[in-house]
N, C-alpha and C. Protein backbone atom coordinates (compact mmCIF):
# COMPACT_ATOMS: atom_id res chain seq x y z
N MET A 1 0.84 -1.19 0.00
CA MET A 1 0.00 0.00 0.00
C MET A 1 0.88 1.24 0.00
N GLN A 2 0.56 2.20 -0.84
CA GLN A 2 1.30 3.45 -0.93
C GLN A 2 0.50 4.58 -0.31
N THR A 3 1.18 5.43 0.45
CA THR A 3 0.54 6.57 1.09
C THR A 3 1.31 7.83 0.73
N GLN A 4 0.58 8.87 0.39
CA GLN A 4 1.23 10.12 0.07
C GLN A 4 0.37 11.30 0.55
N LYS A 5 1.05 12.37 0.92
CA LYS A 5 0.36 13.60 1.30
C LYS A 5 -0.23 14.24 0.05
N VAL A 6 -1.39 14.88 0.23
CA VAL A 6 -2.06 15.56 -0.87
C VAL A 6 -2.21 17.03 -0.50
N ASP A 7 -1.74 17.89 -1.37
CA ASP A 7 -1.68 19.31 -1.06
C ASP A 7 -3.02 19.99 -1.37
N ILE A 8 -4.06 19.58 -0.66
CA ILE A 8 -5.37 20.22 -0.76
C ILE A 8 -5.95 20.34 0.64
N PRO A 9 -6.82 21.32 0.88
CA PRO A 9 -7.50 21.37 2.17
C PRO A 9 -8.56 20.29 2.25
N CYS A 10 -8.86 19.83 3.44
CA CYS A 10 -9.91 18.82 3.62
C CYS A 10 -11.25 19.41 3.16
N PRO A 11 -12.02 18.67 2.34
CA PRO A 11 -13.31 19.18 1.87
C PRO A 11 -14.35 19.30 2.98
N ILE A 12 -14.08 18.72 4.15
CA ILE A 12 -15.03 18.78 5.26
C ILE A 12 -14.63 19.83 6.29
N CYS A 13 -13.40 19.76 6.80
CA CYS A 13 -12.98 20.68 7.87
C CYS A 13 -12.11 21.83 7.36
N SER A 14 -11.67 21.75 6.09
CA SER A 14 -10.90 22.82 5.43
C SER A 14 -9.48 22.98 5.97
N ILE A 15 -9.05 22.10 6.85
CA ILE A 15 -7.68 22.17 7.37
C ILE A 15 -6.71 21.69 6.30
N GLU A 16 -5.62 22.43 6.10
CA GLU A 16 -4.63 22.07 5.09
C GLU A 16 -3.50 21.23 5.70
N GLY A 17 -2.89 20.42 4.87
CA GLY A 17 -1.74 19.64 5.29
C GLY A 17 -2.07 18.35 6.00
N GLU A 18 -3.34 17.98 6.09
CA GLU A 18 -3.74 16.77 6.82
C GLU A 18 -4.37 15.71 5.93
N VAL A 19 -4.45 15.97 4.62
CA VAL A 19 -5.09 15.03 3.71
C VAL A 19 -4.05 14.08 3.12
N GLU A 20 -4.36 12.81 3.15
CA GLU A 20 -3.49 11.78 2.59
C GLU A 20 -4.27 10.92 1.61
N MET A 21 -3.56 10.33 0.67
CA MET A 21 -4.17 9.38 -0.26
C MET A 21 -3.44 8.05 -0.16
N MET A 22 -4.20 6.99 0.05
CA MET A 22 -3.63 5.64 0.10
C MET A 22 -4.13 4.86 -1.12
N THR A 23 -3.23 4.19 -1.80
CA THR A 23 -3.60 3.36 -2.94
C THR A 23 -3.09 1.94 -2.74
N HIS A 24 -3.93 1.00 -3.13
CA HIS A 24 -3.58 -0.41 -2.96
C HIS A 24 -4.09 -1.17 -4.17
N ILE A 25 -3.19 -1.84 -4.87
CA ILE A 25 -3.56 -2.62 -6.05
C ILE A 25 -3.75 -4.07 -5.64
N ASP A 26 -4.88 -4.65 -6.05
CA ASP A 26 -5.19 -6.01 -5.64
C ASP A 26 -5.90 -6.71 -6.78
N GLU A 27 -6.02 -8.02 -6.66
CA GLU A 27 -6.72 -8.84 -7.63
C GLU A 27 -7.94 -9.46 -6.95
N ILE A 28 -9.13 -9.13 -7.44
CA ILE A 28 -10.35 -9.73 -6.93
C ILE A 28 -10.81 -10.79 -7.92
N PRO A 29 -11.00 -12.04 -7.47
CA PRO A 29 -11.41 -13.10 -8.39
C PRO A 29 -12.65 -12.72 -9.19
N TYR A 30 -12.61 -12.95 -10.50
CA TYR A 30 -13.70 -12.68 -11.43
C TYR A 30 -13.92 -11.18 -11.68
N PHE A 31 -13.28 -10.32 -10.91
CA PHE A 31 -13.42 -8.88 -11.07
C PHE A 31 -12.18 -8.29 -11.71
N GLY A 32 -11.06 -8.96 -11.50
CA GLY A 32 -9.82 -8.51 -12.11
C GLY A 32 -9.03 -7.58 -11.22
N GLU A 33 -7.93 -7.09 -11.77
CA GLU A 33 -7.09 -6.18 -11.02
C GLU A 33 -7.80 -4.84 -10.82
N HIS A 34 -7.69 -4.29 -9.64
CA HIS A 34 -8.32 -3.01 -9.34
C HIS A 34 -7.43 -2.24 -8.37
N THR A 35 -7.63 -0.96 -8.33
CA THR A 35 -6.92 -0.10 -7.39
C THR A 35 -7.91 0.44 -6.38
N GLN A 36 -7.64 0.20 -5.10
CA GLN A 36 -8.45 0.78 -4.05
C GLN A 36 -7.81 2.11 -3.66
N VAL A 37 -8.57 3.17 -3.81
CA VAL A 37 -8.07 4.51 -3.51
C VAL A 37 -8.84 5.05 -2.30
N THR A 38 -8.12 5.43 -1.26
CA THR A 38 -8.73 6.01 -0.06
C THR A 38 -8.11 7.37 0.19
N VAL A 39 -8.94 8.39 0.25
CA VAL A 39 -8.51 9.74 0.60
C VAL A 39 -9.04 10.03 1.99
N LEU A 40 -8.17 10.47 2.90
CA LEU A 40 -8.60 10.67 4.28
C LEU A 40 -7.96 11.92 4.87
N CYS A 41 -8.63 12.45 5.89
CA CYS A 41 -8.13 13.61 6.61
C CYS A 41 -7.76 13.19 8.02
N ASN A 42 -6.53 13.41 8.40
CA ASN A 42 -6.07 13.04 9.74
C ASN A 42 -6.59 13.99 10.81
N ALA A 43 -7.12 15.14 10.41
CA ALA A 43 -7.62 16.11 11.38
C ALA A 43 -9.02 15.79 11.85
N CYS A 44 -9.94 15.54 10.91
CA CYS A 44 -11.34 15.35 11.29
C CYS A 44 -11.83 13.92 11.09
N GLY A 45 -11.02 13.08 10.43
CA GLY A 45 -11.41 11.69 10.24
C GLY A 45 -12.21 11.40 8.99
N TRP A 46 -12.46 12.45 8.17
CA TRP A 46 -13.18 12.22 6.90
C TRP A 46 -12.43 11.20 6.06
N ARG A 47 -13.19 10.34 5.39
CA ARG A 47 -12.59 9.29 4.57
C ARG A 47 -13.50 9.00 3.38
N GLN A 48 -12.89 8.79 2.23
CA GLN A 48 -13.63 8.40 1.04
C GLN A 48 -12.85 7.32 0.31
N THR A 49 -13.52 6.19 0.04
CA THR A 49 -12.87 5.05 -0.60
C THR A 49 -13.58 4.72 -1.89
N ASP A 50 -12.82 4.34 -2.89
CA ASP A 50 -13.44 3.89 -4.14
C ASP A 50 -12.57 2.81 -4.77
N PHE A 51 -13.16 2.12 -5.76
CA PHE A 51 -12.47 1.04 -6.45
C PHE A 51 -12.43 1.36 -7.93
N ILE A 52 -11.23 1.27 -8.51
CA ILE A 52 -11.05 1.60 -9.91
C ILE A 52 -10.47 0.38 -10.61
N PRO A 53 -11.22 -0.25 -11.52
CA PRO A 53 -10.71 -1.42 -12.22
C PRO A 53 -9.59 -1.05 -13.17
N ALA A 54 -8.67 -1.98 -13.39
CA ALA A 54 -7.54 -1.72 -14.28
C ALA A 54 -8.02 -1.53 -15.71
N GLU A 55 -9.05 -2.30 -16.09
CA GLU A 55 -9.61 -2.17 -17.43
C GLU A 55 -10.87 -1.31 -17.37
N GLY A 56 -11.10 -0.58 -18.43
CA GLY A 56 -12.30 0.26 -18.49
C GLY A 56 -13.56 -0.57 -18.39
N LYS A 57 -14.55 -0.08 -17.69
CA LYS A 57 -15.81 -0.79 -17.52
C LYS A 57 -16.95 0.04 -18.08
N LYS A 58 -17.98 -0.65 -18.60
CA LYS A 58 -19.17 0.03 -19.07
C LYS A 58 -20.18 0.12 -17.92
N SER A 59 -21.05 1.12 -18.01
CA SER A 59 -22.11 1.20 -17.02
C SER A 59 -22.92 -0.08 -17.04
N GLY A 60 -23.38 -0.51 -15.87
CA GLY A 60 -24.11 -1.77 -15.85
C GLY A 60 -24.84 -2.02 -14.56
N ALA A 61 -25.70 -3.04 -14.60
CA ALA A 61 -26.48 -3.45 -13.43
C ALA A 61 -26.24 -4.93 -13.18
N TRP A 62 -26.11 -5.27 -11.90
CA TRP A 62 -25.95 -6.66 -11.48
C TRP A 62 -27.11 -7.04 -10.58
N LYS A 63 -27.60 -8.27 -10.74
CA LYS A 63 -28.77 -8.70 -9.97
C LYS A 63 -28.54 -10.13 -9.47
N LEU A 64 -28.98 -10.38 -8.23
CA LEU A 64 -28.93 -11.72 -7.67
C LEU A 64 -30.17 -11.96 -6.84
N ILE A 65 -30.90 -13.02 -7.15
CA ILE A 65 -32.06 -13.42 -6.34
C ILE A 65 -31.55 -14.21 -5.14
N ILE A 66 -31.85 -13.73 -3.94
CA ILE A 66 -31.37 -14.38 -2.72
C ILE A 66 -32.46 -15.33 -2.24
N ASP A 67 -32.33 -16.59 -2.62
CA ASP A 67 -33.33 -17.59 -2.27
C ASP A 67 -32.74 -18.77 -1.50
N SER A 68 -31.49 -18.61 -1.02
CA SER A 68 -30.87 -19.65 -0.20
C SER A 68 -29.81 -18.99 0.68
N PRO A 69 -29.56 -19.56 1.86
CA PRO A 69 -28.52 -18.99 2.73
C PRO A 69 -27.16 -18.93 2.08
N GLN A 70 -26.88 -19.87 1.17
CA GLN A 70 -25.57 -19.90 0.52
C GLN A 70 -25.29 -18.62 -0.25
N LYS A 71 -26.32 -18.02 -0.79
CA LYS A 71 -26.13 -16.81 -1.60
C LYS A 71 -25.79 -15.59 -0.76
N LEU A 72 -25.98 -15.69 0.53
CA LEU A 72 -25.57 -14.59 1.41
C LEU A 72 -24.05 -14.44 1.43
N LEU A 73 -23.34 -15.48 1.00
CA LEU A 73 -21.87 -15.45 1.00
C LEU A 73 -21.29 -14.86 -0.28
N ALA A 74 -22.14 -14.61 -1.28
CA ALA A 74 -21.66 -14.08 -2.55
C ALA A 74 -20.97 -12.74 -2.33
N ARG A 75 -19.83 -12.56 -2.97
CA ARG A 75 -19.06 -11.32 -2.77
C ARG A 75 -19.70 -10.17 -3.55
N VAL A 76 -19.64 -9.00 -2.93
CA VAL A 76 -20.20 -7.78 -3.53
C VAL A 76 -19.11 -6.72 -3.55
N ILE A 77 -18.87 -6.14 -4.72
CA ILE A 77 -18.01 -4.97 -4.84
C ILE A 77 -18.92 -3.80 -5.16
N ARG A 78 -18.98 -2.83 -4.27
CA ARG A 78 -19.85 -1.67 -4.45
C ARG A 78 -19.00 -0.41 -4.49
N SER A 79 -19.04 0.31 -5.60
CA SER A 79 -18.26 1.54 -5.72
C SER A 79 -19.08 2.72 -5.20
N SER A 80 -18.43 3.87 -5.10
CA SER A 80 -19.10 5.05 -4.56
C SER A 80 -20.16 5.61 -5.49
N SER A 81 -20.20 5.12 -6.74
CA SER A 81 -21.20 5.60 -7.70
C SER A 81 -22.40 4.66 -7.83
N CYS A 82 -22.46 3.63 -6.99
CA CYS A 82 -23.45 2.56 -7.15
C CYS A 82 -24.70 2.78 -6.30
N THR A 83 -25.86 2.58 -6.92
CA THR A 83 -27.15 2.54 -6.22
C THR A 83 -27.48 1.09 -5.88
N VAL A 84 -27.84 0.83 -4.63
CA VAL A 84 -28.15 -0.53 -4.17
C VAL A 84 -29.65 -0.63 -3.92
N LYS A 85 -30.28 -1.67 -4.46
CA LYS A 85 -31.74 -1.82 -4.33
C LYS A 85 -32.10 -3.23 -3.89
N VAL A 86 -33.16 -3.33 -3.10
CA VAL A 86 -33.82 -4.60 -2.82
C VAL A 86 -35.28 -4.40 -3.21
N GLU A 87 -35.65 -4.92 -4.37
CA GLU A 87 -36.93 -4.58 -4.99
C GLU A 87 -38.12 -4.93 -4.10
N GLU A 88 -38.13 -6.15 -3.58
CA GLU A 88 -39.31 -6.64 -2.87
C GLU A 88 -39.59 -5.86 -1.59
N LEU A 89 -38.57 -5.28 -1.00
CA LEU A 89 -38.73 -4.53 0.25
C LEU A 89 -38.76 -3.02 0.02
N ASP A 90 -38.68 -2.63 -1.24
CA ASP A 90 -38.71 -1.21 -1.60
C ASP A 90 -37.58 -0.45 -0.90
N LEU A 91 -36.41 -1.07 -0.84
CA LEU A 91 -35.25 -0.45 -0.20
C LEU A 91 -34.28 0.04 -1.27
N VAL A 92 -33.84 1.27 -1.15
CA VAL A 92 -32.92 1.86 -2.11
C VAL A 92 -31.90 2.71 -1.35
N VAL A 93 -30.62 2.54 -1.67
CA VAL A 93 -29.57 3.41 -1.15
C VAL A 93 -28.87 4.04 -2.34
N ASN A 94 -29.05 5.36 -2.48
CA ASN A 94 -28.39 6.09 -3.56
C ASN A 94 -27.05 6.64 -3.07
N PRO A 95 -26.07 6.75 -3.96
CA PRO A 95 -24.80 7.34 -3.56
C PRO A 95 -24.97 8.84 -3.31
N GLY A 96 -24.51 9.30 -2.16
CA GLY A 96 -24.59 10.71 -1.83
C GLY A 96 -23.24 11.38 -1.91
N GLY A 97 -23.17 12.59 -1.38
CA GLY A 97 -21.93 13.35 -1.46
C GLY A 97 -20.79 12.74 -0.67
N ASN A 98 -21.11 11.92 0.36
CA ASN A 98 -20.08 11.28 1.16
C ASN A 98 -20.04 9.77 0.95
N SER A 99 -20.63 9.32 -0.16
CA SER A 99 -20.68 7.89 -0.44
C SER A 99 -19.29 7.31 -0.57
N THR A 100 -19.13 6.08 -0.12
CA THR A 100 -17.83 5.42 -0.20
C THR A 100 -18.00 3.99 -0.69
N GLY A 101 -16.98 3.46 -1.33
CA GLY A 101 -17.05 2.10 -1.83
C GLY A 101 -16.65 1.08 -0.78
N TYR A 102 -17.01 -0.17 -1.00
CA TYR A 102 -16.63 -1.23 -0.08
C TYR A 102 -16.69 -2.58 -0.78
N VAL A 103 -15.97 -3.54 -0.23
CA VAL A 103 -16.06 -4.94 -0.64
C VAL A 103 -16.65 -5.71 0.53
N SER A 104 -17.72 -6.44 0.28
CA SER A 104 -18.40 -7.17 1.34
C SER A 104 -18.99 -8.44 0.74
N ASN A 105 -19.98 -9.01 1.41
CA ASN A 105 -20.78 -10.07 0.81
C ASN A 105 -22.24 -9.67 0.91
N VAL A 106 -23.13 -10.50 0.36
CA VAL A 106 -24.55 -10.14 0.35
C VAL A 106 -25.08 -9.95 1.76
N GLU A 107 -24.65 -10.80 2.69
CA GLU A 107 -25.12 -10.66 4.07
C GLU A 107 -24.68 -9.32 4.65
N GLY A 108 -23.45 -8.90 4.34
CA GLY A 108 -22.97 -7.62 4.83
C GLY A 108 -23.79 -6.46 4.29
N VAL A 109 -24.18 -6.55 3.02
CA VAL A 109 -25.02 -5.50 2.42
C VAL A 109 -26.39 -5.47 3.11
N MET A 110 -26.96 -6.65 3.34
CA MET A 110 -28.26 -6.70 4.00
C MET A 110 -28.17 -6.18 5.43
N ASN A 111 -27.05 -6.44 6.10
CA ASN A 111 -26.87 -5.93 7.47
C ASN A 111 -26.82 -4.40 7.49
N ARG A 112 -26.30 -3.80 6.43
CA ARG A 112 -26.30 -2.34 6.33
C ARG A 112 -27.74 -1.82 6.27
N PHE A 113 -28.58 -2.52 5.51
CA PHE A 113 -30.00 -2.15 5.47
C PHE A 113 -30.64 -2.31 6.85
N VAL A 114 -30.30 -3.41 7.53
CA VAL A 114 -30.86 -3.67 8.85
C VAL A 114 -30.52 -2.55 9.81
N ASP A 115 -29.28 -2.09 9.77
CA ASP A 115 -28.86 -1.01 10.66
C ASP A 115 -29.70 0.25 10.44
N VAL A 116 -29.94 0.59 9.17
CA VAL A 116 -30.73 1.79 8.86
C VAL A 116 -32.18 1.59 9.27
N ILE A 117 -32.73 0.40 8.99
CA ILE A 117 -34.12 0.13 9.36
C ILE A 117 -34.30 0.25 10.87
N ASN A 118 -33.35 -0.27 11.63
CA ASN A 118 -33.45 -0.19 13.10
C ASN A 118 -33.42 1.25 13.59
N ILE A 119 -32.62 2.09 12.96
CA ILE A 119 -32.57 3.50 13.35
C ILE A 119 -33.92 4.16 13.10
N VAL A 120 -34.48 3.93 11.90
CA VAL A 120 -35.78 4.51 11.57
C VAL A 120 -36.86 3.95 12.48
N LEU A 121 -36.78 2.65 12.77
CA LEU A 121 -37.79 2.02 13.62
C LEU A 121 -37.79 2.62 15.02
N ARG A 122 -36.60 2.85 15.58
CA ARG A 122 -36.53 3.46 16.92
C ARG A 122 -37.16 4.85 16.93
N ASP A 123 -36.90 5.62 15.88
CA ASP A 123 -37.48 6.97 15.81
C ASP A 123 -39.00 6.91 15.76
N ILE A 124 -39.53 5.99 14.97
CA ILE A 124 -40.98 5.89 14.83
C ILE A 124 -41.60 5.34 16.11
N GLN A 125 -40.92 4.41 16.78
CA GLN A 125 -41.43 3.90 18.05
C GLN A 125 -41.48 5.00 19.10
N ASN A 126 -40.49 5.88 19.10
CA ASN A 126 -40.53 7.02 20.02
C ASN A 126 -41.69 7.94 19.70
N GLU A 127 -41.97 8.09 18.41
CA GLU A 127 -43.13 8.89 18.01
C GLU A 127 -44.43 8.25 18.50
N ALA A 128 -44.50 6.91 18.44
CA ALA A 128 -45.69 6.21 18.91
C ALA A 128 -45.88 6.41 20.42
N LEU A 129 -44.77 6.44 21.16
CA LEU A 129 -44.87 6.69 22.60
C LEU A 129 -45.41 8.08 22.88
N GLN A 130 -45.03 9.04 22.04
CA GLN A 130 -45.56 10.39 22.20
C GLN A 130 -47.05 10.43 21.93
N HIS A 131 -47.48 9.63 20.94
CA HIS A 131 -48.91 9.51 20.69
C HIS A 131 -49.62 8.98 21.94
N ALA A 132 -49.05 7.90 22.49
CA ALA A 132 -49.67 7.25 23.65
C ALA A 132 -49.73 8.19 24.85
N ALA A 133 -48.73 9.07 24.94
CA ALA A 133 -48.70 10.01 26.07
C ALA A 133 -49.58 11.23 25.82
N GLY A 134 -50.19 11.28 24.66
CA GLY A 134 -51.07 12.40 24.36
C GLY A 134 -50.37 13.62 23.85
N GLU A 135 -49.04 13.51 23.55
CA GLU A 135 -48.30 14.66 23.06
C GLU A 135 -48.59 14.92 21.59
N ILE A 136 -48.98 13.90 20.87
CA ILE A 136 -49.36 14.03 19.46
C ILE A 136 -50.74 13.42 19.30
N ASP A 137 -51.64 14.15 18.69
CA ASP A 137 -53.04 13.71 18.62
C ASP A 137 -53.40 13.02 17.32
N GLU A 138 -52.62 13.27 16.27
CA GLU A 138 -52.99 12.76 14.96
C GLU A 138 -51.93 11.80 14.42
N GLY A 139 -52.37 10.90 13.54
CA GLY A 139 -51.45 10.04 12.81
C GLY A 139 -51.02 8.78 13.51
N LEU A 140 -51.68 8.40 14.62
CA LEU A 140 -51.26 7.20 15.34
C LEU A 140 -51.39 5.96 14.46
N GLU A 141 -52.48 5.88 13.71
CA GLU A 141 -52.70 4.70 12.86
C GLU A 141 -51.58 4.56 11.82
N LYS A 142 -51.19 5.66 11.20
CA LYS A 142 -50.12 5.62 10.20
C LYS A 142 -48.79 5.26 10.85
N THR A 143 -48.58 5.74 12.05
CA THR A 143 -47.34 5.42 12.76
C THR A 143 -47.25 3.93 13.04
N MET A 144 -48.35 3.33 13.50
CA MET A 144 -48.36 1.90 13.79
C MET A 144 -48.18 1.08 12.51
N GLU A 145 -48.77 1.56 11.41
CA GLU A 145 -48.60 0.86 10.14
C GLU A 145 -47.13 0.88 9.71
N ALA A 146 -46.46 2.02 9.92
CA ALA A 146 -45.05 2.13 9.56
C ALA A 146 -44.20 1.19 10.41
N ILE A 147 -44.53 1.07 11.70
CA ILE A 147 -43.80 0.16 12.58
C ILE A 147 -43.96 -1.28 12.10
N ASP A 148 -45.19 -1.67 11.76
CA ASP A 148 -45.44 -3.04 11.28
C ASP A 148 -44.64 -3.31 10.01
N ARG A 149 -44.61 -2.33 9.11
CA ARG A 149 -43.91 -2.51 7.84
C ARG A 149 -42.41 -2.69 8.06
N LEU A 150 -41.84 -1.89 8.94
CA LEU A 150 -40.41 -1.99 9.21
C LEU A 150 -40.07 -3.30 9.91
N GLU A 151 -40.92 -3.72 10.84
CA GLU A 151 -40.68 -4.98 11.54
C GLU A 151 -40.78 -6.16 10.57
N ASN A 152 -41.69 -6.09 9.61
CA ASN A 152 -41.81 -7.15 8.61
C ASN A 152 -40.58 -7.18 7.71
N MET A 153 -40.02 -6.01 7.40
CA MET A 153 -38.77 -5.97 6.62
C MET A 153 -37.66 -6.72 7.35
N LEU A 154 -37.54 -6.43 8.64
CA LEU A 154 -36.50 -7.08 9.44
C LEU A 154 -36.70 -8.59 9.48
N LYS A 155 -37.96 -9.04 9.61
CA LYS A 155 -38.25 -10.47 9.65
C LYS A 155 -37.88 -11.13 8.32
N THR A 156 -38.20 -10.45 7.22
CA THR A 156 -37.89 -11.01 5.90
C THR A 156 -36.39 -11.14 5.71
N ILE A 157 -35.64 -10.12 6.10
CA ILE A 157 -34.18 -10.17 5.96
C ILE A 157 -33.59 -11.26 6.85
N GLU A 158 -34.09 -11.38 8.07
CA GLU A 158 -33.61 -12.42 8.98
C GLU A 158 -33.91 -13.82 8.43
N SER A 159 -35.05 -13.97 7.76
CA SER A 159 -35.44 -15.29 7.24
C SER A 159 -34.53 -15.75 6.10
N LEU A 160 -33.76 -14.83 5.51
CA LEU A 160 -32.86 -15.22 4.43
C LEU A 160 -31.75 -16.14 4.91
N LYS A 161 -31.51 -16.16 6.21
CA LYS A 161 -30.47 -17.02 6.77
C LYS A 161 -30.93 -18.48 6.81
N GLU A 162 -32.21 -18.71 6.53
CA GLU A 162 -32.76 -20.05 6.44
C GLU A 162 -33.30 -20.24 5.03
N ASP A 163 -33.92 -21.37 4.75
CA ASP A 163 -34.52 -21.60 3.44
C ASP A 163 -35.83 -20.83 3.38
N SER A 164 -35.72 -19.56 3.06
CA SER A 164 -36.87 -18.67 3.13
C SER A 164 -37.83 -18.89 1.97
N SER A 165 -39.11 -18.73 2.27
CA SER A 165 -40.13 -18.77 1.21
C SER A 165 -40.37 -17.39 0.66
N GLN A 166 -39.61 -16.40 1.15
CA GLN A 166 -39.73 -15.02 0.68
C GLN A 166 -38.38 -14.53 0.15
N PRO A 167 -37.95 -15.02 -1.01
CA PRO A 167 -36.68 -14.55 -1.57
C PRO A 167 -36.76 -13.07 -1.93
N VAL A 168 -35.62 -12.41 -1.91
CA VAL A 168 -35.55 -11.01 -2.32
C VAL A 168 -34.46 -10.86 -3.38
N THR A 169 -34.48 -9.75 -4.08
CA THR A 169 -33.56 -9.52 -5.18
C THR A 169 -32.65 -8.35 -4.85
N LEU A 170 -31.34 -8.61 -4.84
CA LEU A 170 -30.36 -7.55 -4.63
C LEU A 170 -29.88 -7.08 -6.00
N GLU A 171 -29.90 -5.75 -6.21
CA GLU A 171 -29.50 -5.19 -7.49
C GLU A 171 -28.53 -4.03 -7.27
N LEU A 172 -27.46 -4.02 -8.06
CA LEU A 172 -26.49 -2.93 -8.07
C LEU A 172 -26.59 -2.20 -9.40
N LEU A 173 -26.79 -0.88 -9.35
CA LEU A 173 -26.88 -0.07 -10.56
C LEU A 173 -25.74 0.94 -10.53
N ASP A 174 -24.78 0.78 -11.43
CA ASP A 174 -23.57 1.59 -11.37
C ASP A 174 -23.30 2.27 -12.71
N PRO A 175 -23.48 3.59 -12.79
CA PRO A 175 -23.20 4.30 -14.05
C PRO A 175 -21.75 4.19 -14.50
N ASN A 176 -20.83 3.97 -13.54
CA ASN A 176 -19.42 3.86 -13.88
C ASN A 176 -18.96 2.42 -14.11
N GLY A 177 -19.83 1.46 -13.81
CA GLY A 177 -19.49 0.07 -14.07
C GLY A 177 -18.43 -0.51 -13.17
N HIS A 178 -18.25 0.04 -11.98
CA HIS A 178 -17.20 -0.43 -11.07
C HIS A 178 -17.72 -1.40 -10.01
N SER A 179 -18.98 -1.79 -10.09
CA SER A 179 -19.59 -2.65 -9.07
C SER A 179 -19.93 -4.01 -9.66
N MET A 180 -20.08 -4.99 -8.75
CA MET A 180 -20.29 -6.36 -9.24
C MET A 180 -20.79 -7.26 -8.12
N ILE A 181 -21.63 -8.24 -8.46
CA ILE A 181 -22.00 -9.33 -7.55
C ILE A 181 -21.38 -10.61 -8.11
N ILE A 182 -20.50 -11.22 -7.34
CA ILE A 182 -19.77 -12.38 -7.83
C ILE A 182 -20.47 -13.66 -7.35
N HIS A 183 -21.24 -14.24 -8.25
CA HIS A 183 -21.93 -15.50 -7.98
C HIS A 183 -22.36 -16.09 -9.32
N GLU A 184 -22.35 -17.41 -9.40
CA GLU A 184 -22.70 -18.07 -10.67
C GLU A 184 -24.12 -17.76 -11.11
N ASP A 185 -25.01 -17.42 -10.17
CA ASP A 185 -26.39 -17.12 -10.53
C ASP A 185 -26.67 -15.63 -10.73
N SER A 186 -25.67 -14.79 -10.51
CA SER A 186 -25.90 -13.36 -10.71
C SER A 186 -25.96 -13.05 -12.21
N THR A 187 -26.70 -12.01 -12.55
CA THR A 187 -26.85 -11.62 -13.95
C THR A 187 -26.42 -10.17 -14.13
N GLU A 188 -25.91 -9.87 -15.30
CA GLU A 188 -25.45 -8.52 -15.62
C GLU A 188 -26.20 -8.02 -16.85
N ARG A 189 -26.48 -6.73 -16.88
CA ARG A 189 -27.10 -6.11 -18.04
C ARG A 189 -26.60 -4.67 -18.16
N GLU A 190 -26.80 -4.09 -19.32
CA GLU A 190 -26.45 -2.69 -19.51
C GLU A 190 -27.57 -1.81 -18.95
N LEU A 191 -27.20 -0.64 -18.49
CA LEU A 191 -28.19 0.32 -18.04
C LEU A 191 -28.81 1.02 -19.24
N SER A 192 -30.10 1.28 -19.14
CA SER A 192 -30.78 1.99 -20.23
C SER A 192 -30.43 3.47 -20.18
N ASP A 193 -30.71 4.17 -21.26
CA ASP A 193 -30.48 5.61 -21.30
C ASP A 193 -31.29 6.34 -20.24
N ASP A 194 -32.53 5.87 -20.01
CA ASP A 194 -33.37 6.50 -18.99
C ASP A 194 -32.77 6.29 -17.60
N GLU A 195 -32.26 5.09 -17.33
CA GLU A 195 -31.64 4.83 -16.03
C GLU A 195 -30.39 5.69 -15.83
N LEU A 196 -29.59 5.80 -16.88
CA LEU A 196 -28.38 6.60 -16.78
C LEU A 196 -28.70 8.07 -16.51
N ALA A 197 -29.81 8.54 -17.08
CA ALA A 197 -30.20 9.94 -16.89
C ALA A 197 -30.68 10.19 -15.47
N GLU A 198 -31.25 9.17 -14.83
CA GLU A 198 -31.87 9.34 -13.51
C GLU A 198 -30.94 8.98 -12.36
N LEU A 199 -29.99 8.07 -12.59
CA LEU A 199 -29.17 7.58 -11.49
C LEU A 199 -28.16 8.63 -11.02
N PRO A 200 -28.03 8.82 -9.70
CA PRO A 200 -26.95 9.67 -9.18
C PRO A 200 -25.61 8.96 -9.36
N VAL A 201 -24.54 9.74 -9.43
CA VAL A 201 -23.22 9.14 -9.68
C VAL A 201 -22.31 9.26 -8.47
N GLY A 202 -22.83 9.71 -7.33
CA GLY A 202 -22.04 9.75 -6.12
C GLY A 202 -21.20 10.99 -6.01
N PRO A 203 -20.22 10.97 -5.10
CA PRO A 203 -19.42 12.17 -4.82
C PRO A 203 -18.49 12.50 -5.96
N ASP A 204 -18.24 13.78 -6.14
CA ASP A 204 -17.20 14.21 -7.08
C ASP A 204 -15.85 13.87 -6.49
N PRO A 205 -14.97 13.27 -7.28
CA PRO A 205 -13.63 12.95 -6.75
C PRO A 205 -12.90 14.24 -6.41
N PRO A 206 -12.17 14.26 -5.30
CA PRO A 206 -11.41 15.46 -4.98
C PRO A 206 -10.32 15.70 -6.00
N VAL A 207 -10.01 16.96 -6.23
CA VAL A 207 -8.94 17.30 -7.15
C VAL A 207 -7.61 17.14 -6.42
N LEU A 208 -6.86 16.15 -6.81
CA LEU A 208 -5.61 15.81 -6.13
C LEU A 208 -4.44 16.43 -6.88
N SER A 209 -3.65 17.17 -6.16
CA SER A 209 -2.52 17.85 -6.79
C SER A 209 -1.39 18.00 -5.81
N ASN A 210 -0.19 17.80 -6.28
CA ASN A 210 0.99 18.01 -5.47
C ASN A 210 1.84 19.17 -6.01
N ASP A 211 1.26 19.96 -6.93
CA ASP A 211 1.99 21.09 -7.51
C ASP A 211 2.17 22.20 -6.48
């Protein structure tokens, strides 16, 4: 792994002289040689990671139907420009300004969804308690419906660890083509022009200069 100082101020805290770039070249089976690039600030802890394949990639979408526990082990490469979707649960994570790439497996991706669902669920449960205490007079029925829906999402995701009768579909949509689901049953397709026009592309790469 190579590390070098980058002569730019941190895009988050604006402190100069604390930004470093780390690069690591590795070989991922079926994905090929890639460079992992991490830009970080030693002052505030900001970090951005992405994966750049050695060969040029076309924009594309990868899909895997998760209908057995074995498929939870399938490797996932998700770049900072990738949108992650689970169609059946209406779950979508778009790349934002601080989006970062990662290498994980399907179970790890689903656990990320679980973490977010639990955060939202706690907030809504607190709202329900306020209803019960009489602090909020309207919307109790909708609040309870939202709680039921989130709890059912969690049950469905948990059931994937067994031979579930409720399979779900994991899909990666990447305008830059740097993402992939590595499994014999995964499928790849090109993104349509409409999808490319609508999909966010994640954070702008920082301008790196040592001049």
